[in-house]
Protein backbone atom coordinates (compact mmCIF):
# COMPACT_ATOMS: atom_id res chain seq x y z
CA MET A 1 78.34 86.66 43.42
CA PRO A 2 75.40 87.90 45.66
CA LEU A 3 76.20 88.68 49.30
CA LYS A 4 74.91 86.46 51.79
CA THR A 5 71.85 87.60 53.99
CA LEU A 6 71.47 86.94 57.52
CA GLU A 7 68.57 84.92 56.49
CA ASP A 8 70.59 82.83 53.99
CA GLU A 9 72.93 81.99 56.86
CA ALA A 10 70.01 81.09 58.88
CA LYS A 11 68.58 78.20 56.36
CA PRO A 12 70.19 74.76 56.77
CA ALA A 13 73.04 73.26 54.57
CA PRO A 14 72.22 71.24 51.41
CA ASN A 15 73.88 68.06 53.36
CA GLY A 16 71.51 68.92 56.59
CA ASP A 17 74.02 70.12 58.43
CA ASP A 18 72.65 72.95 60.59
CA ARG A 19 75.67 73.92 62.74
CA ALA A 20 75.33 77.64 61.14
CA ARG A 21 72.18 78.31 62.83
CA PRO A 22 73.58 78.54 66.40
CA GLY A 23 76.42 80.63 65.05
CA LEU A 24 74.13 83.31 63.87
CA ARG A 25 71.87 82.88 66.76
CA GLU A 26 74.74 83.82 69.09
CA ARG A 27 75.63 86.68 67.10
CA ARG A 28 72.24 88.03 67.30
CA LYS A 29 72.04 87.44 70.88
CA ALA A 30 75.43 89.32 71.29
CA LEU A 31 74.29 92.09 68.87
CA THR A 32 70.95 92.66 71.31
CA ALA A 33 73.16 92.64 74.24
CA ALA A 34 75.36 94.98 73.14
CA GLU A 35 72.89 97.76 72.06
CA LEU A 36 70.95 97.39 75.33
CA GLU A 37 74.18 98.10 76.86
CA ALA A 38 75.23 101.11 74.40
CA ALA A 39 71.57 102.57 75.23
CA ALA A 40 71.73 102.14 78.90
CA PHE A 41 75.11 104.01 79.02
CA ARG A 42 73.82 106.88 76.56
CA LEU A 43 70.73 107.40 79.28
CA PHE A 44 73.26 107.15 82.16
CA GLY A 45 75.37 109.89 80.83
CA GLU A 46 72.36 111.73 79.78
CA ARG A 47 70.19 111.64 82.65
CA GLY A 48 72.30 110.03 85.72
CA PHE A 49 71.44 106.43 86.88
CA ASP A 50 68.57 106.86 89.07
CA ALA A 51 66.69 108.45 86.55
CA VAL A 52 66.71 105.76 83.91
CA THR A 53 64.32 103.30 83.95
CA VAL A 54 64.34 99.78 82.12
CA ASP A 55 61.58 100.57 79.95
CA ASP A 56 63.56 103.92 79.12
CA ILE A 57 66.41 101.61 78.16
CA ALA A 58 64.38 99.01 76.35
CA ALA A 59 62.77 101.75 74.45
CA GLU A 60 66.21 103.43 73.48
CA ALA A 61 67.44 100.15 72.10
CA ASP A 62 64.12 99.73 70.29
CA VAL A 63 63.21 96.22 72.19
CA SER A 64 60.59 95.27 74.73
CA ARG A 65 60.83 95.25 78.17
CA ARG A 66 60.55 91.24 78.41
CA THR A 67 63.41 91.29 75.84
CA PHE A 68 65.27 93.23 78.20
CA PHE A 69 65.15 90.73 80.79
CA ARG A 70 66.09 87.96 78.75
CA TYR A 71 69.54 89.27 78.47
CA PHE A 72 69.92 91.22 82.26
CA ALA A 73 68.32 91.10 85.30
CA SER A 74 68.41 94.77 86.31
CA LYS A 75 69.55 98.24 85.03
CA GLU A 76 72.69 97.61 87.42
CA ASP A 77 73.49 94.38 85.84
CA VAL A 78 73.77 96.51 82.50
CA LEU A 79 76.05 98.90 84.10
CA LEU A 80 78.40 95.93 85.69
CA ALA A 81 78.01 93.50 82.63
CA ASP A 82 81.76 94.35 81.50
CA HIS A 83 82.81 92.78 84.67
CA PHE A 84 82.50 89.57 83.50
CA VAL A 85 83.89 90.18 80.40
CA GLN A 86 86.98 91.35 81.72
CA LEU A 87 87.21 88.32 84.06
CA ALA A 88 87.30 86.18 81.25
CA ARG A 89 89.80 87.97 79.63
CA LEU A 90 92.00 87.97 83.00
CA ARG A 91 91.82 83.78 83.03
CA GLU A 92 93.17 83.87 79.52
CA ALA A 93 95.78 86.00 80.26
CA MET A 94 96.70 84.31 83.35
CA ASP A 95 96.78 80.94 81.33
CA ALA A 96 98.97 82.62 78.95
CA ARG A 97 101.84 83.53 81.29
CA PRO A 98 105.09 81.69 81.58
CA SER A 99 104.73 78.66 84.15
CA ASP A 100 107.72 79.77 86.01
CA GLU A 101 107.00 83.14 86.23
CA PRO A 102 106.47 84.54 89.86
CA ILE A 103 102.73 84.82 90.75
CA VAL A 104 102.78 88.23 91.70
CA THR A 105 104.30 89.11 88.37
CA ALA A 106 102.27 86.73 86.54
CA LEU A 107 99.39 88.18 87.84
CA ARG A 108 100.63 92.05 87.41
CA ASN A 109 101.62 91.05 83.67
CA ALA A 110 98.16 89.26 82.95
CA LEU A 111 95.99 92.16 84.26
CA LEU A 112 98.10 95.19 82.13
CA SER A 113 97.99 93.02 78.94
CA MET A 114 94.17 93.86 79.34
CA SER A 115 94.85 97.48 78.76
CA VAL A 116 95.49 97.33 74.98
CA ASP A 117 91.86 98.48 74.29
CA PHE A 118 91.73 100.86 76.94
CA GLU A 119 91.52 104.01 74.78
CA ASP A 120 88.53 102.36 72.79
CA ARG A 121 86.56 101.71 76.71
CA LYS A 122 87.57 104.67 78.16
CA GLU A 123 84.76 106.86 78.27
CA MET A 124 82.68 104.10 79.21
CA ILE A 125 85.17 103.21 82.17
CA ILE A 126 85.14 106.71 83.15
CA LEU A 127 81.16 107.32 82.84
CA ARG A 128 80.63 103.77 85.11
CA GLY A 129 83.27 105.19 87.37
CA ARG A 130 81.70 108.29 88.19
CA LEU A 131 78.14 106.52 88.52
CA MET A 132 79.32 104.15 90.74
CA ARG A 133 80.98 107.18 93.07
CA ASP A 134 78.24 109.27 93.16
CA THR A 135 75.08 106.49 93.12
CA PRO A 136 74.78 105.28 96.50
CA SER A 137 72.48 102.44 95.27
CA LEU A 138 74.99 100.96 93.04
CA GLN A 139 77.95 100.58 95.83
CA ALA A 140 76.41 97.63 97.32
CA ARG A 141 76.21 95.88 93.86
CA SER A 142 80.06 96.91 93.08
CA LEU A 143 81.04 95.17 96.33
CA VAL A 144 79.26 92.14 95.34
CA HIS A 145 81.01 92.01 91.80
CA GLN A 146 84.38 92.96 93.96
CA LYS A 147 83.98 89.95 95.80
CA LEU A 148 83.51 87.95 92.82
CA TRP A 149 86.41 89.12 91.43
CA GLU A 150 88.54 88.25 94.43
CA GLU A 151 87.59 84.62 94.66
CA ALA A 152 87.97 84.14 91.01
CA MET A 153 91.44 85.40 91.59
CA GLN A 154 91.98 83.50 94.71
CA GLU A 155 91.30 80.47 92.85
CA MET A 156 93.71 81.58 89.67
CA VAL A 157 96.28 82.16 92.15
CA ALA A 158 95.63 78.80 94.19
CA GLU A 159 95.82 76.72 90.74
CA ARG A 160 98.91 78.33 89.85
CA LEU A 161 100.57 77.51 92.81
CA GLY A 162 99.04 74.25 93.50
CA VAL A 163 97.49 74.85 97.04
CA ASP A 164 94.38 75.03 98.29
CA PRO A 165 92.76 78.30 98.98
CA VAL A 166 91.18 76.97 102.14
CA THR A 167 94.33 75.92 103.86
CA ASP A 168 96.80 78.28 102.15
CA LEU A 169 96.79 82.17 102.94
CA ARG A 170 98.81 83.18 100.02
CA PRO A 171 95.86 82.93 97.04
CA GLY A 172 93.61 84.90 99.22
CA VAL A 173 96.14 87.71 100.10
CA VAL A 174 97.54 87.85 97.04
CA SER A 175 93.85 88.31 95.31
CA ALA A 176 92.54 90.88 97.81
CA ALA A 177 95.70 92.76 97.51
CA THR A 178 95.94 93.18 94.09
CA LEU A 179 92.28 94.23 93.69
CA ALA A 180 93.09 96.87 96.60
CA ALA A 181 95.92 97.86 94.43
CA MET A 182 93.98 98.53 91.51
CA ARG A 183 90.75 100.13 93.05
CA VAL A 184 93.35 102.77 94.76
CA ALA A 185 94.92 103.48 91.43
CA PHE A 186 91.68 103.81 89.78
CA THR A 187 90.12 105.99 92.49
CA ASN A 188 93.05 108.19 92.40
CA TRP A 189 92.85 108.42 88.45
CA LEU A 190 89.12 109.29 89.03
CA MET A 191 89.66 111.48 91.58
CA ALA A 192 92.59 113.43 89.66
CA GLY A 193 89.96 114.42 86.59
CA CYS A 194 91.32 111.25 84.43
CA ASP A 195 93.76 113.18 82.96
CA GLY A 196 96.91 110.80 83.93
CA ASP A 197 98.28 107.55 82.36
CA LEU A 198 95.62 105.08 84.27
CA ILE A 199 97.67 102.26 83.23
CA ALA A 200 100.91 103.75 84.40
CA LEU A 201 99.28 104.71 87.56
CA THR A 202 97.87 100.91 87.66
CA ALA A 203 101.55 99.60 87.20
CA GLU A 204 102.88 101.60 89.90
CA ALA A 205 100.36 100.49 92.59
CA LEU A 206 100.50 96.95 91.67
CA ASP A 207 104.73 97.20 91.71
CA LEU A 208 104.34 98.22 95.07
CA LEU A 209 102.98 94.52 95.89
CA ASP A 210 105.93 93.15 94.74
CA GLY A 211 108.64 94.27 96.96
CA GLY A 212 107.74 97.85 96.78
CA LEU A 213 106.05 98.22 100.15
CA GLN A 214 109.49 97.04 101.86
CA GLN A 215 111.46 99.44 99.77
CA LEU A 216 109.19 102.28 101.32
CA HIS A 217 110.28 100.73 104.61
CA ASP A 218 113.74 100.82 103.79
CA GLU A 219 114.12 104.35 102.16
CA ARG A 220 112.91 105.66 105.39
């Protein structure tokens, strides 16, 4: 049997069913976005963030400048595109947690469950972390993304608790404290040369939110 080509997949089915075409189009779009992201990270790693232009990224990915802007609004958005993917993964992980699991535990377990592909993403995470730390122009954009994460997590917590996050403090406090714990763990790991176990360090930081801070007081 001959192998199917992309052109074969794009042809309408004999019965007139054209449902295969959107699937192919989405795969092509995802591939182009991934190629742009990979090209950007290669150049950022070689030259630094500020020395790379949108035109450089487009040329590296062998696409036009116009094509770049179909996928990303700026080179900053290329660097941070993974944040939205991970946020979607967190929503799925939270939905999968048992309904009777305490909220702090559920959020902790959901976040840690996302680490299964950490080794595959480690180099990208390290490079992005260093670029964010060393590039002032990225720090403001990073704060915007952190705020988006905080608001999304607040909604997840509020939905799980069945409360209004405007009138109930718990969703906002839990989400803000969780992000702060993760940020401190990541910053410490990055400053230590990325040699330690980031997942274990993150778990330790999150455990402080679940009675750990009170334990510190009790141990004095």
